[in-house]
Protein backbone atom coordinates (compact mmCIF):
# COMPACT_ATOMS: atom_id res chain seq x y z
CA MET A 1 114.45 82.18 138.18
CA ILE A 2 111.10 83.78 135.72
CA ILE A 3 110.40 86.79 134.73
CA LEU A 4 107.49 88.00 133.05
CA LYS A 5 106.53 91.16 131.70
CA VAL A 6 102.60 92.05 132.21
CA PHE A 7 100.61 94.58 129.85
CA ASN A 8 97.05 95.64 130.58
CA TYR A 9 95.59 96.09 127.03
CA GLN A 10 92.67 98.43 128.44
CA THR A 11 94.65 100.65 130.78
CA HIS A 12 97.85 100.12 128.61
CA GLU A 13 99.73 99.82 131.99
CA TYR A 14 103.11 97.65 132.14
CA GLN A 15 104.86 96.19 135.05
CA THR A 16 107.30 93.39 135.52
CA ALA A 17 107.05 90.22 137.93
CA SER A 18 109.72 88.14 138.91
CA LEU A 19 109.59 84.61 140.40
CA ASN A 20 112.23 83.76 143.44
CA PRO A 21 114.12 81.20 142.48
CA GLU A 22 113.81 79.69 145.71
CA GLN A 23 110.25 79.62 145.63
CA ALA A 24 108.14 76.38 144.16
CA ASP A 25 104.84 77.93 143.98
CA TYR A 26 103.59 81.17 142.42
CA SER A 27 100.07 82.19 142.06
CA ILE A 28 98.52 84.64 139.87
CA GLY A 29 94.74 85.99 140.11
CA ARG A 30 92.81 88.68 141.66
CA SER A 31 92.84 87.32 145.38
CA PRO A 32 95.08 90.13 147.23
CA SER A 33 97.46 87.07 148.46
CA CYS A 34 98.58 85.92 145.00
CA ASP A 35 102.12 86.14 144.23
CA LEU A 36 100.86 88.54 141.27
CA VAL A 37 97.68 90.56 141.77
CA LEU A 38 95.60 91.21 138.15
CA ASP A 39 92.93 93.30 139.15
CA SER A 40 89.91 92.57 136.94
CA PHE A 41 86.24 91.50 137.25
CA ASP A 42 86.68 88.21 134.70
CA ILE A 43 89.63 86.99 136.87
CA SER A 44 89.38 84.06 139.14
CA ARG A 45 90.85 84.37 142.69
CA VAL A 46 93.21 82.26 141.92
CA HIS A 47 93.21 82.30 138.34
CA ALA A 48 97.10 80.29 137.30
CA LYS A 49 99.77 78.65 139.02
CA ILE A 50 103.42 78.73 138.05
CA GLN A 51 105.18 75.81 139.58
CA LYS A 52 108.63 74.86 139.53
CA GLN A 53 109.91 71.07 138.98
CA ASN A 54 113.35 70.07 138.74
CA ALA A 55 114.54 73.45 137.73
CA GLU A 56 111.97 73.66 135.04
CA TYR A 57 108.74 75.90 134.82
CA TYR A 58 105.10 75.11 134.80
CA LEU A 59 101.90 76.91 134.10
CA ILE A 60 98.46 75.33 135.64
CA ASP A 61 95.32 76.47 135.43
CA PRO A 62 93.72 75.44 138.87
CA GLY A 63 90.14 75.53 137.41
CA SER A 64 89.85 79.29 136.34
CA ALA A 65 86.21 80.25 135.60
CA ASN A 66 87.29 82.02 132.26
CA GLY A 67 89.82 79.88 130.91
CA LEU A 68 93.83 80.02 130.87
CA TRP A 69 95.52 80.68 127.19
CA ILE A 70 99.02 80.38 126.42
CA ASN A 71 100.18 81.75 122.65
CA GLY A 72 96.71 81.42 121.37
CA GLN A 73 95.72 78.24 122.67
CA MET A 74 93.49 77.42 125.80
CA ILE A 75 95.56 75.02 128.20
CA LYS A 76 93.34 72.11 130.09
CA PRO A 77 92.56 72.54 133.60
CA ASN A 78 95.20 71.07 136.13
CA GLN A 79 97.86 70.14 133.17
CA PRO A 80 101.03 71.45 133.62
CA TYR A 81 102.32 73.66 130.17
CA PRO A 82 106.04 73.85 130.47
CA LEU A 83 107.18 77.48 130.18
CA LYS A 84 109.86 79.19 127.95
CA VAL A 85 110.91 82.54 126.70
CA ASP A 86 108.73 84.33 124.17
CA ASP A 87 105.77 82.27 125.86
CA LEU A 88 102.63 84.67 125.95
CA ILE A 89 100.00 83.98 128.55
CA ARG A 90 96.58 85.63 128.39
CA ILE A 91 94.64 86.30 131.24
CA GLY A 92 91.18 88.45 131.18
CA ASP A 93 92.62 91.79 130.09
CA PHE A 94 96.37 91.20 130.74
CA MET A 95 99.27 89.61 128.46
CA LEU A 96 102.32 88.24 130.34
CA LEU A 97 105.47 87.64 127.86
CA VAL A 98 107.96 85.57 129.47
CA GLU A 99 111.14 87.22 129.37
CA ALA A 100 113.63 84.98 130.96
CA VAL A 101 113.53 81.26 132.23
CA ASN A 102 116.60 80.65 134.41
CA SER A 103 119.58 81.81 132.64
CA VAL A 104 118.03 82.22 129.12
CA ALA A 105 116.43 85.87 128.41
CA ARG A 106 115.24 88.00 125.79
CA SER A 107 118.03 90.59 124.58
CA GLY A 108 117.10 94.31 124.97
CA TYR A 109 115.10 93.27 128.23
CA PRO A 110 115.43 94.26 131.94
CA ASP A 111 117.44 91.68 132.34
CA SER A 112 120.55 92.75 130.15
CA PRO A 113 123.00 95.00 131.54
CA LYS A 114 122.34 97.77 129.01
CA TYR A 115 118.94 97.84 130.39
CA ARG A 116 119.68 98.06 134.07
CA SER A 117 122.67 100.83 133.72
CA ALA A 118 119.84 103.06 131.58
CA ALA A 119 117.84 102.86 134.57
CA ALA A 120 120.12 103.46 137.12
CA ALA A 121 121.41 106.42 135.20
CA GLN A 122 117.60 107.61 135.02
CA PRO A 123 115.34 106.05 137.70
CA HIS A 124 112.75 108.51 136.95
CA LEU A 125 112.00 107.38 133.49
CA GLN A 126 110.37 104.13 132.02
CA PRO A 127 113.69 103.35 129.81
CA HIS A 128 111.57 100.55 128.22
CA LEU A 129 109.39 103.34 126.46
CA GLN A 130 111.31 104.52 123.04
CA PRO A 131 109.43 107.50 121.82
CA GLN A 132 110.72 107.32 118.45
CA TRP A 133 109.28 105.51 115.59
CA THR A 134 111.18 105.94 111.95
CA LYS A 135 111.83 102.50 110.65
CA GLU A 136 109.99 98.80 110.40
CA ILE A 137 110.02 97.12 113.34
CA SER A 138 108.35 93.88 114.31
CA LEU A 139 105.34 93.68 116.51
CA ARG A 140 103.48 91.02 118.31
CA CYS A 141 99.36 90.52 118.40
CA VAL A 142 98.23 90.77 121.67
CA ARG A 143 94.65 91.09 121.10
CA ILE A 144 91.83 90.49 118.36
CA VAL A 145 88.47 91.60 118.51
CA ALA A 146 85.55 90.89 116.33
CA GLU A 147 83.88 94.06 115.32
CA THR A 148 81.57 93.00 113.15
CA ALA A 149 81.15 89.51 111.51
CA GLU A 150 83.65 90.57 108.70
CA ALA A 151 85.64 92.80 110.55
CA LYS A 152 88.25 92.49 113.19
CA SER A 153 90.58 94.84 114.99
CA PHE A 154 94.34 93.29 115.48
CA THR A 155 96.48 95.25 118.70
CA PHE A 156 99.86 94.77 118.46
CA LEU A 157 102.91 95.45 120.73
CA ALA A 158 106.39 95.63 120.09
CA ASP A 159 109.04 93.09 120.86
CA VAL A 160 110.56 95.68 122.78
CA PRO A 161 107.64 97.61 124.67
CA MET A 162 108.03 100.99 122.85
CA GLN A 163 105.20 104.54 122.57
CA PHE A 164 104.12 104.41 119.01
CA ASP A 165 104.54 107.79 117.90
CA TYR A 166 102.28 109.02 114.90
CA LEU A 167 99.26 111.57 114.01
CA PRO A 168 96.00 110.40 114.18
CA GLY A 169 94.15 109.23 110.56
CA GLN A 170 97.91 108.12 109.49
CA PHE A 171 98.37 104.54 108.01
CA VAL A 172 101.29 101.73 108.76
CA THR A 173 102.44 99.23 105.77
CA LEU A 174 102.65 95.40 106.73
CA ASP A 175 105.50 93.60 105.35
CA LEU A 176 103.81 90.10 105.45
CA GLU A 177 104.97 86.73 104.19
CA ILE A 178 102.33 84.85 101.65
CA ASN A 179 102.74 81.68 99.91
CA GLY A 180 106.25 82.40 100.17
CA GLU A 181 106.57 85.46 99.01
CA SER A 182 107.01 89.22 100.47
CA VAL A 183 103.58 90.97 100.23
CA LEU A 184 103.22 94.95 101.55
CA ARG A 185 99.97 96.25 102.47
CA SER A 186 98.75 99.59 104.15
CA TYR A 187 96.41 99.93 106.47
CA SER A 188 95.07 103.22 108.39
CA ILE A 189 95.63 102.78 112.09
CA SER A 190 92.09 103.08 114.27
CA SER A 191 93.93 103.46 117.49
CA ALA A 192 94.69 107.14 118.60
CA PRO A 193 98.05 108.31 119.87
CA SER A 194 97.05 109.57 123.12
CA ARG A 195 96.79 105.56 123.88
CA PRO A 196 100.91 105.15 122.95
CA ASN A 197 101.69 102.05 124.09
CA SER A 198 99.82 99.72 122.07
CA LEU A 199 99.00 100.15 118.31
CA GLU A 200 95.54 98.94 116.58
CA ILE A 201 94.42 98.50 112.93
CA THR A 202 90.98 97.31 111.96
CA VAL A 203 90.51 95.30 108.78
CA LYS A 204 87.30 94.04 107.00
CA ARG A 205 86.81 90.61 105.12
CA VAL A 206 87.00 91.05 101.25
CA ALA A 207 84.66 89.06 99.29
CA VAL A 208 86.88 87.27 96.55
CA SER A 209 84.87 86.28 93.24
CA GLY A 210 86.49 84.12 91.00
CA SER A 211 90.28 84.31 90.59
CA GLN A 212 90.30 88.13 91.38
CA PRO A 213 93.45 88.73 94.05
CA ALA A 214 91.03 91.57 95.82
CA GLY A 215 91.17 90.63 99.47
CA LEU A 216 94.41 88.70 99.64
CA VAL A 217 96.38 90.53 102.74
CA SER A 218 92.79 91.11 104.58
CA ASN A 219 91.65 87.79 104.10
CA TRP A 220 94.90 86.27 105.32
CA LEU A 221 95.15 88.24 108.47
CA HIS A 222 91.05 87.08 109.14
CA ASP A 223 92.32 83.64 108.68
CA HIS A 224 95.80 83.62 109.87
CA LEU A 225 97.09 85.93 112.30
CA LYS A 226 96.56 84.71 115.70
CA LEU A 227 97.51 86.20 119.23
CA GLY A 228 101.23 85.87 119.57
CA SER A 229 101.48 86.27 115.69
CA GLN A 230 104.83 88.33 114.65
CA ILE A 231 104.51 91.01 111.45
CA LYS A 232 106.84 93.43 110.71
CA VAL A 233 105.28 97.22 110.32
CA SER A 234 106.72 100.03 108.66
CA ALA A 235 106.98 103.54 110.36
CA PRO A 236 103.69 105.50 110.07
CA MET A 237 102.91 107.82 106.64
CA GLY A 238 99.88 110.02 105.55
CA LYS A 239 98.58 113.42 105.09
CA PHE A 240 95.18 112.52 106.07
CA THR A 241 95.03 113.59 109.46
CA CYS A 242 93.40 116.31 111.90
CA GLY A 243 96.71 116.96 113.16
CA ALA A 244 97.74 117.15 116.92
CA LYS A 245 95.64 120.43 117.09
CA PRO A 246 92.37 119.43 114.79
CA PRO A 247 90.01 122.61 114.10
CA ALA A 248 87.20 124.06 115.59
CA LYS A 249 84.94 122.54 113.35
CA LEU A 250 85.04 118.87 111.61
CA LEU A 251 82.82 116.68 109.15
CA LEU A 252 83.94 113.49 108.86
CA LEU A 253 82.12 111.62 106.00
CA SER A 254 83.19 107.80 106.24
CA ALA A 255 81.72 103.95 104.51
CA GLY A 256 82.72 101.00 104.82
CA SER A 257 86.40 100.12 106.48
CA GLY A 258 86.90 104.19 105.66
CA ILE A 259 85.80 104.35 109.43
CA THR A 260 89.50 103.12 110.88
CA PRO A 261 91.22 106.71 110.35
CA MET A 262 88.16 108.54 111.24
CA MET A 263 87.60 106.25 114.25
CA SER A 264 91.64 107.35 115.32
CA MET A 265 90.97 111.01 115.08
CA SER A 266 87.83 110.54 117.20
CA ARG A 267 89.58 109.07 119.70
CA TRP A 268 91.96 111.37 120.10
CA ILE A 269 89.92 114.51 120.00
CA ALA A 270 88.02 112.49 122.74
CA ASP A 271 91.03 111.54 124.58
CA THR A 272 92.71 114.75 125.01
CA ALA A 273 89.49 116.97 125.70
CA ALA A 274 89.57 118.73 122.34
CA ALA A 275 87.21 121.62 121.76
CA THR A 276 86.48 120.73 118.37
CA ASP A 277 83.15 120.24 117.15
CA VAL A 278 82.96 117.12 115.22
CA VAL A 279 79.77 116.06 113.20
CA PHE A 280 80.70 112.02 112.28
CA PHE A 281 78.58 110.54 109.30
CA HIS A 282 79.39 106.72 108.28
CA CYS A 283 77.47 104.78 105.59
CA ALA A 284 76.82 100.92 105.99
CA ARG A 285 75.13 98.06 104.25
CA SER A 286 72.98 97.23 107.39
CA PRO A 287 73.01 97.93 110.86
CA GLN A 288 75.12 94.56 111.62
CA GLU A 289 77.98 96.09 109.44
CA ILE A 290 78.08 99.16 111.10
CA ILE A 291 82.16 99.07 112.56
CA PHE A 292 82.61 100.55 116.08
CA ARG A 293 78.78 101.24 116.16
CA GLN A 294 78.98 100.90 120.10
CA GLU A 295 81.75 103.07 120.42
CA LEU A 296 80.78 105.87 118.54
CA GLU A 297 77.33 105.82 120.33
CA LEU A 298 79.25 106.02 123.31
CA LEU A 299 81.22 109.08 122.81
CA SER A 300 78.16 110.80 121.36
CA ALA A 301 76.00 110.16 124.53
CA ARG A 302 78.77 111.32 126.26
CA LEU A 303 80.61 114.18 124.70
CA PRO A 304 78.52 117.34 123.71
CA ASN A 305 80.33 118.39 121.01
CA PHE A 306 80.38 114.68 119.00
CA HIS A 307 77.48 114.93 116.70
CA LEU A 308 76.83 111.10 115.15
CA ALA A 309 74.77 110.44 111.85
CA ILE A 310 74.73 106.99 110.28
CA SER A 311 72.67 105.61 107.26
CA THR A 312 72.54 102.22 106.03
CA THR A 313 71.72 101.46 102.36
CA GLN A 314 70.75 97.86 102.58
CA PRO A 315 68.34 97.45 106.40
CA ALA A 316 67.22 93.97 106.50
CA VAL A 317 63.97 93.33 106.44
CA GLY A 318 62.14 93.25 109.63
CA GLN A 319 64.79 94.67 111.30
CA ALA A 320 64.18 98.22 113.67
CA TRP A 321 66.62 100.85 112.00
CA ALA A 322 65.97 104.53 113.29
CA GLY A 323 68.77 105.98 111.40
CA PHE A 324 69.16 107.45 108.00
CA VAL A 325 68.36 105.10 105.11
CA GLY A 326 70.46 105.84 101.56
CA ARG A 327 73.73 107.07 100.22
CA LEU A 328 74.71 110.70 101.26
CA SER A 329 72.53 113.42 99.64
CA GLU A 330 72.28 117.32 99.81
CA SER A 331 68.88 116.91 101.84
CA MET A 332 70.87 114.27 104.29
CA LEU A 333 74.05 116.60 104.48
CA ARG A 334 72.04 119.94 105.66
CA CYS A 335 70.50 117.97 108.11
CA ILE A 336 73.42 116.55 109.59
CA ALA A 337 75.71 119.56 109.21
CA PRO A 338 73.68 122.68 108.56
CA ASP A 339 77.14 124.72 108.60
CA PHE A 340 78.89 122.30 106.54
CA LEU A 341 80.38 125.28 104.45
CA GLU A 342 82.27 126.47 107.72
CA ARG A 343 83.76 122.85 108.81
CA GLN A 344 87.16 121.12 107.49
CA VAL A 345 85.97 118.02 105.68
CA TYR A 346 87.16 114.57 105.78
CA VAL A 347 86.33 111.64 103.49
CA CYS A 348 87.44 108.00 103.08
CA GLY A 349 85.60 105.24 102.06
CA PRO A 350 85.05 103.04 98.70
CA GLU A 351 86.03 105.10 95.72
CA ARG A 352 82.80 105.91 94.46
CA PHE A 353 81.83 107.23 97.91
CA MET A 354 84.47 109.58 97.71
CA GLN A 355 83.91 110.45 94.51
CA ALA A 356 80.05 110.89 95.13
CA SER A 357 80.92 113.25 98.40
CA GLN A 358 83.42 115.74 96.49
CA SER A 359 81.08 115.79 93.81
CA LEU A 360 78.05 116.83 96.17
CA LEU A 361 80.41 119.12 97.97
CA GLU A 362 81.45 121.09 94.79
CA GLN A 363 78.15 121.55 93.59
CA LEU A 364 77.21 123.19 96.64
CA SER A 365 80.21 125.96 96.40
CA PHE A 366 81.91 124.32 99.29
CA PRO A 367 85.61 125.77 99.68
CA MET A 368 87.69 122.80 98.39
CA GLN A 369 90.73 123.61 99.85
CA ASN A 370 89.19 122.69 103.26
CA TYR A 371 88.50 119.35 101.86
CA ALA A 372 90.76 116.22 102.52
CA GLN A 373 90.52 112.89 100.86
CA GLU A 374 92.61 109.60 101.84
CA SER A 375 93.67 108.94 98.81
CA PHE A 376 94.99 105.40 99.51
CA GLY A 377 92.91 102.20 98.10
CA ALA A 378 91.88 104.60 95.46
CA ALA A 379 92.10 104.06 91.88
CA ARG A 380 95.41 104.58 90.08
CA LYS A 381 96.13 108.13 88.85
CA PRO A 382 96.20 108.59 84.98
CA LYS A 383 99.39 108.39 83.35
CA PRO A 384 100.84 111.83 81.97
CA ALA A 385 101.18 111.71 78.15
CA ALA A 386 104.06 110.18 76.73
CA ILE A 387 106.83 112.17 75.64
CA GLN A 388 107.81 112.33 71.52
CA ALA A 389 111.28 112.53 70.92
CA SER A 390 111.89 116.16 70.04
CA PRO A 391 115.44 117.95 69.41
CA VAL A 392 113.71 120.64 71.71
CA ALA A 393 113.50 118.30 75.12
CA VAL A 394 117.15 117.54 74.24
CA PRO A 395 120.12 119.49 75.88
CA LYS A 396 122.27 120.66 73.02
CA ALA A 397 125.62 119.18 72.64
CA PRO A 398 128.99 120.42 70.85
CA GLN A 399 129.28 118.66 67.30
CA SER A 400 126.54 116.38 67.91
CA ASN A 401 123.43 115.40 66.00
CA MET A 402 122.38 112.17 68.08
CA PRO A 403 119.17 111.99 69.71
CA GLN A 404 118.81 112.01 73.93
CA PRO A 405 118.59 108.36 74.13
CA ASN A 406 115.39 107.05 75.72
CA THR A 407 116.58 104.30 78.38
CA VAL A 408 116.28 103.77 82.08
CA LEU A 409 119.34 102.14 83.48
CA PHE A 410 118.79 100.43 87.17
CA SER A 411 122.52 100.32 88.54
CA ASN A 412 122.46 97.33 90.73
CA SER A 413 121.02 95.02 88.30
CA GLY A 414 122.70 95.99 85.49
CA LYS A 415 119.45 95.61 83.45
CA GLU A 416 118.62 98.67 81.30
CA THR A 417 115.32 98.93 79.07
CA GLU A 418 113.82 101.64 76.34
CA HIS A 419 110.68 103.91 77.44
CA ASP A 420 108.53 106.08 75.09
CA GLY A 421 107.95 108.02 78.63
CA SER A 422 104.30 106.60 79.26
CA GLU A 423 105.45 103.95 81.50
CA SER A 424 106.19 104.18 85.24
CA VAL A 425 110.17 103.48 86.29
CA LEU A 426 108.37 100.85 88.36
CA THR A 427 106.99 99.36 85.61
CA LEU A 428 109.90 99.60 83.67
CA ALA A 429 111.61 97.72 86.26
CA GLU A 430 108.93 94.70 86.71
CA GLN A 431 109.22 94.44 82.58
CA ALA A 432 112.74 94.06 82.93
CA GLY A 433 112.91 91.40 85.94
CA VAL A 434 114.01 93.91 88.42
CA LYS A 435 112.59 93.87 91.61
CA ILE A 436 111.19 97.16 93.57
CA ARG A 437 109.35 96.68 96.68
CA SER A 438 105.80 98.30 95.79
CA ASN A 439 102.08 98.66 98.07
CA CYS A 440 99.88 101.60 96.70
CA ARG A 441 101.38 102.20 93.09
CA GLN A 442 99.88 106.05 93.92
CA GLY A 443 102.85 107.68 95.56
CA VAL A 444 100.98 107.19 98.59
CA CYS A 445 102.79 104.85 100.92
CA GLY A 446 106.49 105.59 99.82
CA ALA A 447 107.12 101.82 99.71
CA CYS A 448 108.92 102.25 96.16
CA LYS A 449 111.20 104.94 96.88
CA LYS A 450 114.30 104.75 95.25
CA ARG A 451 117.40 106.80 94.66
CA LYS A 452 117.74 108.54 90.98
CA LEU A 453 121.40 108.64 89.95
CA GLU A 454 121.14 110.68 87.20
CA GLY A 455 118.37 111.71 84.55
CA GLU A 456 115.29 113.81 85.07
CA VAL A 457 111.58 112.11 85.91
CA ARG A 458 108.20 113.70 85.94
CA TYR A 459 104.93 113.36 88.03
CA GLY A 460 101.36 113.55 86.83
CA ALA A 461 100.66 114.87 90.16
CA GLU A 462 102.51 115.88 93.13
CA PRO A 463 103.18 112.58 94.93
CA ASP A 464 102.17 112.61 98.83
CA ALA A 465 105.08 110.43 100.15
CA LEU A 466 107.81 112.45 98.57
CA GLU A 467 109.22 115.11 101.01
CA ALA A 468 111.65 118.22 100.34
CA CYS A 469 114.10 116.31 102.09
CA ASP A 470 113.67 112.96 99.54
CA ARG A 471 114.12 115.54 96.72
CA GLU A 472 117.25 116.90 97.98
CA ALA A 473 118.67 113.39 98.46
CA GLY A 474 117.84 112.50 94.83
CA HIS A 475 115.15 109.96 95.77
CA ILE A 476 111.90 109.40 93.30
CA LEU A 477 109.24 107.36 93.95
CA THR A 478 109.46 105.17 91.22
CA CYS A 479 105.49 103.75 90.76
CA VAL A 480 104.48 107.55 89.70
CA ALA A 481 107.92 108.84 88.25
CA PHE A 482 108.00 108.62 84.51
CA PRO A 483 111.26 109.02 82.96
CA ILE A 484 112.69 111.90 80.68
CA GLY A 485 115.44 110.84 78.40
CA LYS A 486 118.16 108.58 79.82
CA VAL A 487 117.50 107.99 83.68
CA VAL A 488 119.64 106.16 85.81
CA VAL A 489 118.09 104.20 89.04
CA GLU A 490 119.91 103.07 91.75
CA ALA A 491 118.09 99.46 91.68
C-alpha cells in the first residue's frame, strides 16, 4: 500500500490518497477518470502514473506536457522512479508527500494509531492541523518563486501538517548549518496568517564585497535551498505588527527587502476585508527590483481602500517608468498621503531609509507615538556607559571594606571573567569561550535569552524580546544586558 498527502499551495487544501494494495496501476491527472484527480489547467489529463512491480512502487511520467518533479529533480518520461517514504512529488500547483510505502510509514501521520484515535474521537475536526506554534519546528520547502532577479520567496510546510499561528509583520529565526556551523538568522514572514497552512519568507540576495560576511545566510538560501529541503525554524516573534485588528488608517513605508513585513500586513488586511485605509509606499532602485510588484498592483486595482505609490532611485535609461523618482521627501509624502498626520506609520528597510523617514516625520511634527519601525537588522544600539567601581553602588556589608567584585560567572561551564560594565554578557561570554546562541545582538529576536541566577544587569534601552514573564523567571537577553558587580548566568 502507498499513502500520499496532497497539498495545493494555491488553495491551501489538503487531501490524503491511498493506493489499494491489490491495484497495480494508479493514475494521477486532470481527467475525471484518474484515480487521483488534480484539477489545474497546467496538469495533463494523465500526468503521472504509479505502478506496482514486485511489491515495489514506481513513479512514471507517461509524457506530461509540463513535466514531473521528485525531490526537486525532473524525471525523464517513461522511466520508472522507485518511491520511498518522504519523497516529495511536484505536479503543477500540487505537492505530494509519500507518507507510507507498504509497511513503512512516517510517524505521527494518519497511518498511526494515535492519529486514527484522534480522528475517531473528533470526526468533525481535522486532527492534523495544530493551531499552536510555540517552539522550534522542522519545515520542508515546497515552493520557490523568483520575485525578481535577486529576490526569492520560499514557501514551507511542517513535517506534520499544521496551521501557522502568528501576527502579520512578525519574523521567524532560521537555524541552519552552514560550513559545519550552526547559524541563526531572522527573516520577516511575507505570508499572512489568514493563509495559515503554509509559511513564506522572501529573501533578497546580498552583494558580497571582499571578505565581508554580509549576506552569508541570504545567499546560502538562494544557492542551496531546494524543493524538499528541510530547515529548523523558531516560533514567530516581534512587535512590528498592525495586529489582528489594524487601525483605521495606515501608512506603510518600505524600501528594498523591507517590503516583506508590509506585504504580510497588506495580505492580512486584504484577506480579512478589513476597513483599514492603507497607503503603501515602496522605494526600489529600479522597476526590475520591485518585489511583489504585480501583486501590489492587483491589490491597488481591486481594493478601493488600498493606495499604492512606488518610487525608483535609479531608473534605467530608455525604460518607461510612470511612478515617482527619488527618495521619500516632504513633497512626495504630502502627495501620496495628505492626511499622514492622522495615520499609524510603519517603516521598514535599510537603516538609512528608516533614519531618513523618521527624521522627515519628526520635522513635520508627526505624533511619534503613532510611529513604528522594524529595528530588526538595524545598526546596533549604543552601549551604556561603563560603571566605575564606587562605594555607593556596593551593598553595605557589616564589618567589611572589600569592594564588590566585578565578575560574570557562567555556571554551567564554570568559567568566570572580570568586567568593567562596558561589555554585554554575550560579549563577555564569547571572550571567555562560552558559547551562547545569538542572532540580532539588539535584544529583538530573543535567541540569546539565558537565566540569571545571581546579581543585577542593566539595559541601554528596553529590549523588545523580553516579556514580563521572562523577567519573573529570571531571564535576561545577554546581547544587550550589561552586568553590575557580580553576576551569575546559567550558561
